[in-house]
Amino acid sequence: MMQQGRYGFDRRQFLKQTAIATAGASTFLPEAKGVENDGNSNGKNCIFLMLTGGPSQIDTFDPKPDAISEIRGPFKTVSSKVPGTFFAETLPLLAARADKFTLLRSLFHEEAPIHETGMQLMQTGRISTERNCFPNFGAVCASLSHSKNQYGSSFMVLPTEIGSTGVTMYQGQGAGFFGDQCEPVKIKSHHGDIRNIREITHPTGANAGKILSTISALSFDSRYGNSIFGQSCQAALSLVESGVRFVTVNMFDTVFNEVTWDCHADGGALATNLNDYRTRICPVFDAAYSALLDDLESRGMLESTLVVAVGEFGRSPHLNMRGGRDHHSGVWSGLLAGAGLPGGAVIGASDSMGGEPKDMPVSPSMFAATIYKALGINPAQKILLSNGESMQLADAVPIPSLF
């Protein structure tokens, strides 16, 4: 976890620099009054799958079969439903459904390659500081949602919020300077079964009884896989069907002492290796995302629901000395499905070694603008600040070819 490989970093040195930068960063922004409502929001919903740990692009959606073995890794490629588009063999179910979603292959950011900055960027579109915490996409939806559902909230997090990922920083999963009224309902379940709810919290109150009733009544479908992530995807579907506008599902709540996407293969607290991708992590994600798409489509909900699956960064193109991959924010992949977006589209490309974008780079701010646009929210709408000033929801325009 300390000195990483060719595309890594010295973590201790970085943490020192980050603490200094965060403490003195930028002008303080006052609390937001909300988002200017231009009357054009069409009320589309979102299920946002946060792939905590950062999936390797090469070992999932962007294989490099012609690269040297130190880059190519251990997996073969498989054809997808989209002619000329190949996935790693780790995701056969999604390869067979590639015509149902848009694949982004050129995500990148230029901030520090740690979990927390990546989570901020991919869930808010901006880098936050100790004084300025920007709102999650779900908090923006909550700000614009005037109708109350039976749960008393339009933004929820399952099966629990993200805990420690290495640095004590905002991870982009809350309302930030939008305030308590836009915070998500946080549902904490006992490990292994989301129906066994330990706690339901929201700063301004939510109908815990209704939430508990909906989730505890679930009858789990084996197509989603035998995992709490699969169960949470089913729960998210039920909540959206019942009127919740935005549900975040965290695939993992930490990267330490647990098998996650964070495949350093260090043999210690970050022991996940690429064989774990083959046997555990990819099968769990492959089953859950595929079943979720199938059920949204069969229930006629896919056109009104955006389904996002993305990690906070990718992995180093070169295998490290232990056969794992380290943090890499130079390029990675993500999925967008539903909400009228084109199925089978492939946006952007990485270079021959999967190290940086070769075509159509997609920044976090462009990703954020795309999320808002797909949800029917104008990314140029203004966040109204309590001092009378304002700022745009997103600093970029949406991906042009998707709209």
Protein backbone atom coordinates (compact mmCIF):
# COMPACT_ATOMS: atom_id res chain seq x y z
CA MET A 1 0.00 0.00 0.00
CA MET A 2 2.99 2.32 0.31
CA GLN A 3 5.19 2.84 -2.72
CA GLN A 4 3.16 1.69 -5.71
CA GLY A 5 4.19 0.51 -9.16
CA ARG A 6 4.81 2.45 -12.34
CA TYR A 7 1.47 4.25 -12.17
CA GLY A 8 1.31 4.45 -8.38
CA PHE A 9 2.23 6.97 -5.72
CA ASP A 10 3.82 7.28 -2.31
CA ARG A 11 0.74 7.28 -0.10
CA ARG A 12 2.30 8.87 3.00
CA GLN A 13 3.73 11.73 0.98
CA PHE A 14 0.42 12.25 -0.77
CA LEU A 15 -1.61 12.27 2.45
CA LYS A 16 0.63 14.99 3.88
CA GLN A 17 0.18 17.09 0.74
CA THR A 18 -3.57 16.52 0.71
CA ALA A 19 -3.99 17.59 4.33
CA ILE A 20 -2.14 20.84 3.63
CA ALA A 21 -4.04 21.53 0.41
CA THR A 22 -7.44 20.76 1.89
CA ALA A 23 -6.94 22.90 4.97
CA GLY A 24 -6.20 26.02 2.98
CA ALA A 25 -8.22 25.48 -0.15
CA SER A 26 -10.47 27.95 -1.93
CA THR A 27 -12.95 30.55 -0.92
CA PHE A 28 -15.63 29.48 1.49
CA LEU A 29 -19.01 28.93 -0.16
CA PRO A 30 -22.04 29.71 2.02
CA GLU A 31 -24.81 27.16 2.48
CA ALA A 32 -26.95 26.62 -0.61
CA LYS A 33 -30.60 27.57 -0.58
CA GLY A 34 -31.24 24.91 -3.24
CA VAL A 35 -31.34 24.57 -7.00
CA GLU A 36 -33.11 27.10 -9.17
CA ASN A 37 -36.13 25.26 -10.56
CA ASP A 38 -36.55 26.02 -14.25
CA GLY A 39 -39.63 23.81 -14.54
CA ASN A 40 -38.01 21.42 -17.01
CA SER A 41 -37.14 18.50 -14.73
CA ASN A 42 -38.91 15.41 -16.07
CA GLY A 43 -38.62 13.45 -12.84
CA LYS A 44 -36.53 10.52 -14.06
CA ASN A 45 -35.07 8.26 -11.40
CA CYS A 46 -31.56 6.94 -10.77
CA ILE A 47 -29.99 3.82 -9.29
CA PHE A 48 -26.33 4.65 -8.79
CA LEU A 49 -24.05 1.66 -8.20
CA MET A 50 -20.83 2.82 -6.55
CA LEU A 51 -18.18 0.19 -7.31
CA THR A 52 -16.07 0.96 -4.27
CA GLY A 53 -12.38 0.29 -4.71
CA GLY A 54 -11.99 1.11 -8.39
CA PRO A 55 -12.47 -1.75 -10.89
CA SER A 56 -9.67 -2.53 -13.30
CA GLN A 57 -10.69 -1.36 -16.76
CA ILE A 58 -8.46 -3.96 -18.44
CA ASP A 59 -9.93 -6.88 -16.50
CA THR A 60 -13.57 -5.88 -17.07
CA PHE A 61 -14.80 -3.61 -19.87
CA ASP A 62 -11.66 -2.60 -21.76
CA PRO A 63 -9.40 -5.65 -22.25
CA LYS A 64 -6.11 -5.36 -24.12
CA PRO A 65 -5.61 -8.80 -25.72
CA ASP A 66 -2.73 -7.64 -27.93
CA ALA A 67 -0.72 -6.07 -25.11
CA ILE A 68 2.19 -7.74 -23.35
CA SER A 69 1.28 -10.11 -20.53
CA GLU A 70 2.32 -7.61 -17.84
CA ILE A 71 -0.46 -5.35 -19.15
CA ARG A 72 -2.91 -7.86 -20.58
CA GLY A 73 -3.32 -9.72 -17.30
CA PRO A 74 -4.70 -13.24 -16.83
CA PHE A 75 -8.08 -12.99 -18.55
CA LYS A 76 -9.22 -13.83 -22.06
CA THR A 77 -11.69 -11.68 -23.98
CA VAL A 78 -15.22 -12.50 -25.03
CA SER A 79 -17.39 -11.03 -27.77
CA SER A 80 -20.25 -8.84 -26.66
CA LYS A 81 -23.71 -8.29 -28.10
CA VAL A 82 -22.29 -5.20 -29.81
CA PRO A 83 -20.25 -6.22 -32.89
CA GLY A 84 -16.57 -5.34 -32.51
CA THR A 85 -16.82 -4.65 -28.77
CA PHE A 86 -15.10 -7.10 -26.45
CA PHE A 87 -15.20 -7.56 -22.69
CA ALA A 88 -12.98 -9.54 -20.36
CA GLU A 89 -14.21 -13.08 -19.78
CA THR A 90 -15.05 -12.07 -16.20
CA LEU A 91 -18.37 -10.46 -17.29
CA PRO A 92 -20.19 -12.87 -19.62
CA LEU A 93 -23.72 -11.82 -18.61
CA LEU A 94 -23.06 -8.15 -19.27
CA ALA A 95 -21.27 -8.97 -22.51
CA ALA A 96 -24.51 -10.63 -23.62
CA ARG A 97 -26.42 -7.44 -22.69
CA ALA A 98 -24.03 -4.85 -24.10
CA ASP A 99 -26.81 -3.62 -26.38
CA LYS A 100 -28.73 -2.42 -23.30
CA PHE A 101 -26.25 0.15 -21.95
CA THR A 102 -23.73 2.81 -22.92
CA LEU A 103 -20.12 1.95 -22.16
CA LEU A 104 -17.78 4.81 -21.27
CA ARG A 105 -14.15 3.81 -21.90
CA SER A 106 -12.42 7.16 -21.47
CA LEU A 107 -13.23 8.41 -17.98
CA PHE A 108 -10.27 10.16 -16.37
CA HIS A 109 -9.33 12.70 -13.75
CA GLU A 110 -6.18 14.59 -12.89
CA GLU A 111 -6.58 14.86 -9.12
CA ALA A 112 -4.76 12.65 -6.63
CA PRO A 113 -5.40 8.93 -7.24
CA ILE A 114 -6.99 8.13 -3.88
CA HIS A 115 -10.42 6.73 -3.19
CA GLU A 116 -11.82 9.84 -1.56
CA THR A 117 -11.07 12.32 -4.35
CA GLY A 118 -12.40 9.88 -6.93
CA MET A 119 -15.60 9.32 -4.96
CA GLN A 120 -16.14 13.06 -4.66
CA LEU A 121 -15.61 13.60 -8.38
CA MET A 122 -17.80 10.73 -9.55
CA GLN A 123 -20.68 11.54 -7.19
CA THR A 124 -20.65 15.34 -7.28
CA GLY A 125 -18.61 16.34 -10.36
CA ARG A 126 -16.25 18.48 -8.29
CA ILE A 127 -13.43 18.31 -5.75
CA SER A 128 -14.58 19.31 -2.29
CA THR A 129 -12.51 20.79 0.49
CA GLU A 130 -12.83 20.88 4.24
CA ARG A 131 -14.87 24.06 3.94
CA ASN A 132 -16.74 23.42 0.68
CA CYS A 133 -18.48 20.06 0.34
CA PHE A 134 -20.43 19.78 -2.89
CA PRO A 135 -23.72 17.85 -3.04
CA ASN A 136 -24.19 14.33 -4.32
CA PHE A 137 -26.35 13.99 -7.44
CA GLY A 138 -29.04 12.49 -5.21
CA ALA A 139 -29.05 15.58 -3.00
CA VAL A 140 -29.67 17.72 -6.09
CA CYS A 141 -32.60 15.47 -6.98
CA ALA A 142 -33.87 15.83 -3.40
CA SER A 143 -33.63 19.61 -3.68
CA LEU A 144 -35.77 19.55 -6.82
CA SER A 145 -38.30 16.97 -5.59
CA HIS A 146 -41.37 18.71 -4.24
CA SER A 147 -43.72 15.73 -4.08
CA LYS A 148 -43.44 13.51 -1.01
CA ASN A 149 -43.46 9.73 -1.38
CA GLN A 150 -44.56 7.32 1.35
CA TYR A 151 -41.02 7.24 2.77
CA GLY A 152 -40.65 10.98 3.23
CA SER A 153 -37.41 11.10 1.23
CA SER A 154 -36.33 10.97 -2.41
CA PHE A 155 -32.67 10.01 -1.73
CA MET A 156 -31.44 6.81 -0.04
CA VAL A 157 -28.19 4.90 0.44
CA LEU A 158 -27.99 1.08 0.63
CA PRO A 159 -26.90 -1.25 2.24
CA THR A 160 -24.81 1.17 4.30
CA GLU A 161 -22.77 4.31 3.75
CA ILE A 162 -19.09 4.06 2.84
CA GLY A 163 -16.78 3.99 5.84
CA SER A 164 -13.00 4.17 5.95
CA THR A 165 -11.19 4.11 2.64
CA GLY A 166 -7.86 5.41 3.93
CA VAL A 167 -8.18 9.18 4.32
CA THR A 168 -10.59 11.04 6.58
CA MET A 169 -12.26 13.18 3.94
CA TYR A 170 -15.72 13.82 2.54
CA GLN A 171 -16.51 11.06 0.04
CA GLY A 172 -19.21 12.84 -1.91
CA GLN A 173 -22.13 10.81 -0.65
CA GLY A 174 -24.03 13.48 1.26
CA ALA A 175 -25.79 16.78 0.74
CA GLY A 176 -22.74 18.92 1.48
CA PHE A 177 -23.61 22.60 1.69
CA PHE A 178 -27.20 21.82 0.65
CA GLY A 179 -27.91 21.04 4.31
CA ASP A 180 -29.78 18.40 6.27
CA GLN A 181 -33.01 18.56 4.28
CA CYS A 182 -31.26 17.01 1.26
CA GLU A 183 -29.23 14.37 3.10
CA PRO A 184 -29.93 10.75 2.12
CA VAL A 185 -31.74 8.27 4.29
CA LYS A 186 -28.96 5.98 5.45
CA ILE A 187 -29.91 2.36 5.92
CA LYS A 188 -27.50 0.15 7.84
CA SER A 189 -28.06 -3.57 7.45
CA HIS A 190 -26.38 -6.44 9.21
CA HIS A 191 -23.72 -8.07 7.09
CA GLY A 192 -25.12 -10.61 4.65
CA ASP A 193 -28.83 -9.74 4.56
CA ILE A 194 -30.23 -6.30 3.75
CA ARG A 195 -33.60 -7.27 5.25
CA ASN A 196 -31.99 -7.46 8.67
CA ILE A 197 -31.95 -3.69 9.17
CA ARG A 198 -29.94 -2.37 12.10
CA GLU A 199 -30.59 1.35 11.73
CA ILE A 200 -32.41 3.88 9.53
CA THR A 201 -31.29 7.49 9.94
CA HIS A 202 -32.13 10.85 8.40
CA PRO A 203 -31.46 14.25 10.00
CA THR A 204 -34.91 15.68 9.34
CA GLY A 205 -36.89 12.46 9.67
CA ALA A 206 -38.11 9.73 7.34
CA ASN A 207 -40.79 7.07 7.56
CA ALA A 208 -38.59 4.30 8.92
CA GLY A 209 -41.56 1.96 9.29
CA LYS A 210 -42.45 2.17 5.59
CA ILE A 211 -38.82 1.68 4.55
CA LEU A 212 -38.45 -1.29 6.87
CA SER A 213 -41.68 -2.78 5.55
CA THR A 214 -40.60 -2.49 1.90
CA ILE A 215 -37.15 -3.96 2.38
CA SER A 216 -38.04 -6.69 4.88
CA ALA A 217 -40.79 -7.93 2.55
CA LEU A 218 -38.38 -8.60 -0.31
CA SER A 219 -38.18 -12.13 -1.66
CA PHE A 220 -34.76 -12.41 -3.19
CA ASP A 221 -34.28 -13.63 -6.74
CA SER A 222 -31.29 -15.91 -7.36
CA ARG A 223 -30.60 -14.12 -10.66
CA TYR A 224 -29.16 -11.24 -8.63
CA GLY A 225 -26.61 -13.55 -7.03
CA ASN A 226 -26.09 -14.57 -3.45
CA SER A 227 -24.70 -11.29 -2.12
CA ILE A 228 -25.84 -8.27 -0.16
CA PHE A 229 -24.97 -6.18 -3.23
CA GLY A 230 -27.45 -8.19 -5.30
CA GLN A 231 -30.04 -7.88 -2.55
CA SER A 232 -29.45 -4.13 -2.42
CA CYS A 233 -29.98 -3.82 -6.18
CA GLN A 234 -33.33 -5.56 -5.75
CA ALA A 235 -34.21 -3.27 -2.86
CA ALA A 236 -33.24 -0.22 -4.92
CA LEU A 237 -35.59 -1.38 -7.67
CA SER A 238 -38.46 -1.71 -5.19
CA LEU A 239 -37.77 1.69 -3.66
CA VAL A 240 -37.63 3.44 -7.03
CA GLU A 241 -40.80 1.65 -8.10
CA SER A 242 -42.42 3.02 -4.92
CA GLY A 243 -41.43 6.63 -5.57
CA VAL A 244 -37.84 7.14 -4.37
CA ARG A 245 -36.06 9.20 -7.00
CA PHE A 246 -32.39 8.43 -6.29
CA VAL A 247 -30.88 5.33 -4.65
CA THR A 248 -27.15 4.81 -4.22
CA VAL A 249 -25.98 1.23 -3.76
CA ASN A 250 -22.47 0.85 -2.40
CA MET A 251 -20.94 -2.42 -3.51
CA PHE A 252 -18.55 -2.25 -0.54
CA ASP A 253 -18.36 0.03 2.50
CA THR A 254 -14.57 -0.16 2.88
CA VAL A 255 -11.52 -1.40 0.99
CA PHE A 256 -9.71 -2.84 3.98
CA ASN A 257 -9.65 -6.50 5.09
CA GLU A 258 -12.34 -7.35 2.59
CA VAL A 259 -12.39 -8.64 -0.98
CA THR A 260 -13.17 -5.58 -3.13
CA TRP A 261 -12.24 -4.04 -6.47
CA ASP A 262 -9.09 -2.60 -4.82
CA CYS A 263 -6.78 -5.33 -6.15
CA HIS A 264 -3.34 -4.38 -4.79
CA ALA A 265 -2.65 -8.04 -3.93
CA ASP A 266 -0.53 -6.88 -0.99
CA GLY A 267 -1.21 -9.91 1.20
CA GLY A 268 -2.29 -7.66 4.09
CA ALA A 269 -5.25 -5.31 4.53
CA LEU A 270 -5.49 -4.91 0.72
CA ALA A 271 -5.08 -8.54 -0.25
CA THR A 272 -7.59 -8.69 -3.13
CA ASN A 273 -6.00 -10.12 -6.28
CA LEU A 274 -7.13 -10.71 -9.84
CA ASN A 275 -8.15 -14.27 -9.09
CA ASP A 276 -10.71 -12.76 -6.71
CA TYR A 277 -12.04 -10.85 -9.71
CA ARG A 278 -12.57 -14.16 -11.48
CA THR A 279 -14.13 -16.09 -8.63
CA ARG A 280 -15.98 -13.53 -6.51
CA ILE A 281 -16.17 -9.86 -7.40
CA CYS A 282 -16.98 -9.90 -11.11
CA PRO A 283 -19.58 -12.70 -10.82
CA VAL A 284 -21.38 -10.73 -8.09
CA PHE A 285 -21.47 -7.53 -10.15
CA ASP A 286 -22.21 -9.34 -13.43
CA ALA A 287 -25.26 -11.09 -11.99
CA ALA A 288 -26.70 -8.11 -10.10
CA TYR A 289 -26.36 -5.48 -12.83
CA SER A 290 -27.69 -7.86 -15.49
CA ALA A 291 -30.72 -8.86 -13.45
CA LEU A 292 -31.43 -5.24 -12.56
CA LEU A 293 -31.43 -4.23 -16.23
CA ASP A 294 -33.65 -7.18 -17.13
CA ASP A 295 -36.20 -6.38 -14.42
CA LEU A 296 -36.29 -2.65 -15.14
CA GLU A 297 -36.94 -3.44 -18.79
CA SER A 298 -39.58 -6.09 -18.11
CA ARG A 299 -41.43 -3.72 -15.76
CA GLY A 300 -41.35 -0.86 -18.26
CA MET A 301 -39.13 1.22 -15.95
CA LEU A 302 -35.87 1.38 -17.91
CA GLU A 303 -36.88 4.42 -19.95
CA SER A 304 -37.59 6.36 -16.76
CA THR A 305 -34.64 5.10 -14.71
CA LEU A 306 -30.95 5.85 -15.18
CA VAL A 307 -28.70 3.00 -13.98
CA VAL A 308 -25.10 4.05 -13.35
CA ALA A 309 -22.23 1.71 -12.48
CA VAL A 310 -18.84 3.31 -11.91
CA GLY A 311 -15.82 3.22 -9.65
CA GLU A 312 -13.77 6.11 -8.33
CA PHE A 313 -10.83 5.38 -10.66
CA GLY A 314 -9.26 2.53 -12.61
CA ARG A 315 -6.21 0.36 -12.11
CA SER A 316 -2.62 0.59 -13.29
CA PRO A 317 -2.01 -0.85 -16.77
CA HIS A 318 1.12 -2.68 -15.62
CA LEU A 319 0.70 -5.43 -13.06
CA ASN A 320 2.60 -4.71 -9.86
CA MET A 321 5.28 -7.06 -8.56
CA ARG A 322 2.63 -9.14 -6.76
CA GLY A 323 0.43 -9.57 -9.83
CA GLY A 324 -2.13 -6.99 -8.68
CA ARG A 325 -2.95 -3.53 -9.98
CA ASP A 326 -2.63 -0.22 -8.15
CA HIS A 327 -4.62 3.01 -8.23
CA HIS A 328 -4.80 4.74 -11.60
CA SER A 329 -6.94 7.76 -12.46
CA GLY A 330 -5.56 8.17 -15.99
CA VAL A 331 -8.41 6.24 -17.60
CA TRP A 332 -11.17 3.81 -16.64
CA SER A 333 -14.61 2.59 -17.66
CA GLY A 334 -18.19 3.02 -16.48
CA LEU A 335 -21.73 2.09 -17.52
CA LEU A 336 -24.87 4.16 -18.13
CA ALA A 337 -28.18 2.50 -18.93
CA GLY A 338 -31.79 3.56 -19.30
CA ALA A 339 -33.32 7.05 -19.14
CA GLY A 340 -33.43 7.22 -22.94
CA LEU A 341 -29.68 6.77 -23.41
CA PRO A 342 -28.66 4.64 -26.41
CA GLY A 343 -28.02 0.96 -25.79
CA GLY A 344 -24.91 -0.46 -27.42
CA ALA A 345 -23.05 2.86 -27.58
CA VAL A 346 -19.33 2.91 -26.80
CA ILE A 347 -18.05 6.36 -25.84
CA GLY A 348 -14.33 7.04 -26.07
CA ALA A 349 -11.36 4.72 -26.11
CA SER A 350 -8.20 4.19 -24.12
CA ASP A 351 -4.75 3.83 -25.63
CA SER A 352 -3.18 0.47 -26.50
CA MET A 353 -2.10 -0.20 -22.93
CA GLY A 354 -5.20 1.11 -21.16
CA GLY A 355 -3.29 3.95 -19.53
CA GLU A 356 -4.95 7.15 -20.80
CA PRO A 357 -7.74 8.27 -23.12
CA LYS A 358 -7.05 8.01 -26.83
CA ASP A 359 -10.41 9.33 -27.97
CA MET A 360 -13.21 11.42 -26.43
CA PRO A 361 -11.90 11.97 -22.88
CA VAL A 362 -14.73 12.16 -20.34
CA SER A 363 -13.94 14.23 -17.25
CA PRO A 364 -15.89 13.98 -13.98
CA SER A 365 -17.52 17.34 -14.70
CA MET A 366 -18.69 16.07 -18.10
CA PHE A 367 -19.86 12.85 -16.42
CA ALA A 368 -21.84 14.93 -13.91
CA ALA A 369 -23.43 17.02 -16.66
CA THR A 370 -24.39 13.80 -18.45
CA ILE A 371 -26.02 12.40 -15.29
CA TYR A 372 -28.06 15.58 -14.82
CA LYS A 373 -29.08 15.73 -18.48
CA ALA A 374 -30.21 12.08 -18.44
CA LEU A 375 -32.28 12.78 -15.33
CA GLY A 376 -33.97 15.69 -17.07
CA ILE A 377 -32.09 18.33 -15.10
CA ASN A 378 -30.37 21.14 -16.94
CA PRO A 379 -26.68 20.98 -15.88
CA ALA A 380 -26.46 24.74 -16.38
CA GLN A 381 -29.17 25.35 -13.75
CA LYS A 382 -28.01 27.48 -10.88
CA ILE A 383 -27.27 26.47 -7.30
CA LEU A 384 -28.59 29.43 -5.30
CA LEU A 385 -26.31 30.39 -2.43
CA SER A 386 -27.46 32.08 0.75
CA ASN A 387 -25.37 35.19 0.02
CA GLY A 388 -27.33 35.85 -3.17
CA GLU A 389 -24.70 34.46 -5.53
CA SER A 390 -25.06 31.31 -7.65
CA MET A 391 -23.08 28.64 -9.47
CA GLN A 392 -23.90 26.08 -12.15
CA LEU A 393 -24.74 22.51 -11.25
CA ALA A 394 -21.95 21.26 -13.53
CA ASP A 395 -18.82 22.85 -14.92
CA ALA A 396 -19.05 21.14 -18.31
CA VAL A 397 -21.52 20.10 -21.00
CA PRO A 398 -22.94 16.56 -21.30
CA ILE A 399 -21.32 14.01 -23.60
CA PRO A 400 -22.53 15.35 -26.97
CA SER A 401 -23.03 12.05 -28.78
CA LEU A 402 -25.46 10.76 -26.13
CA PHE A 403 -28.02 13.52 -26.65
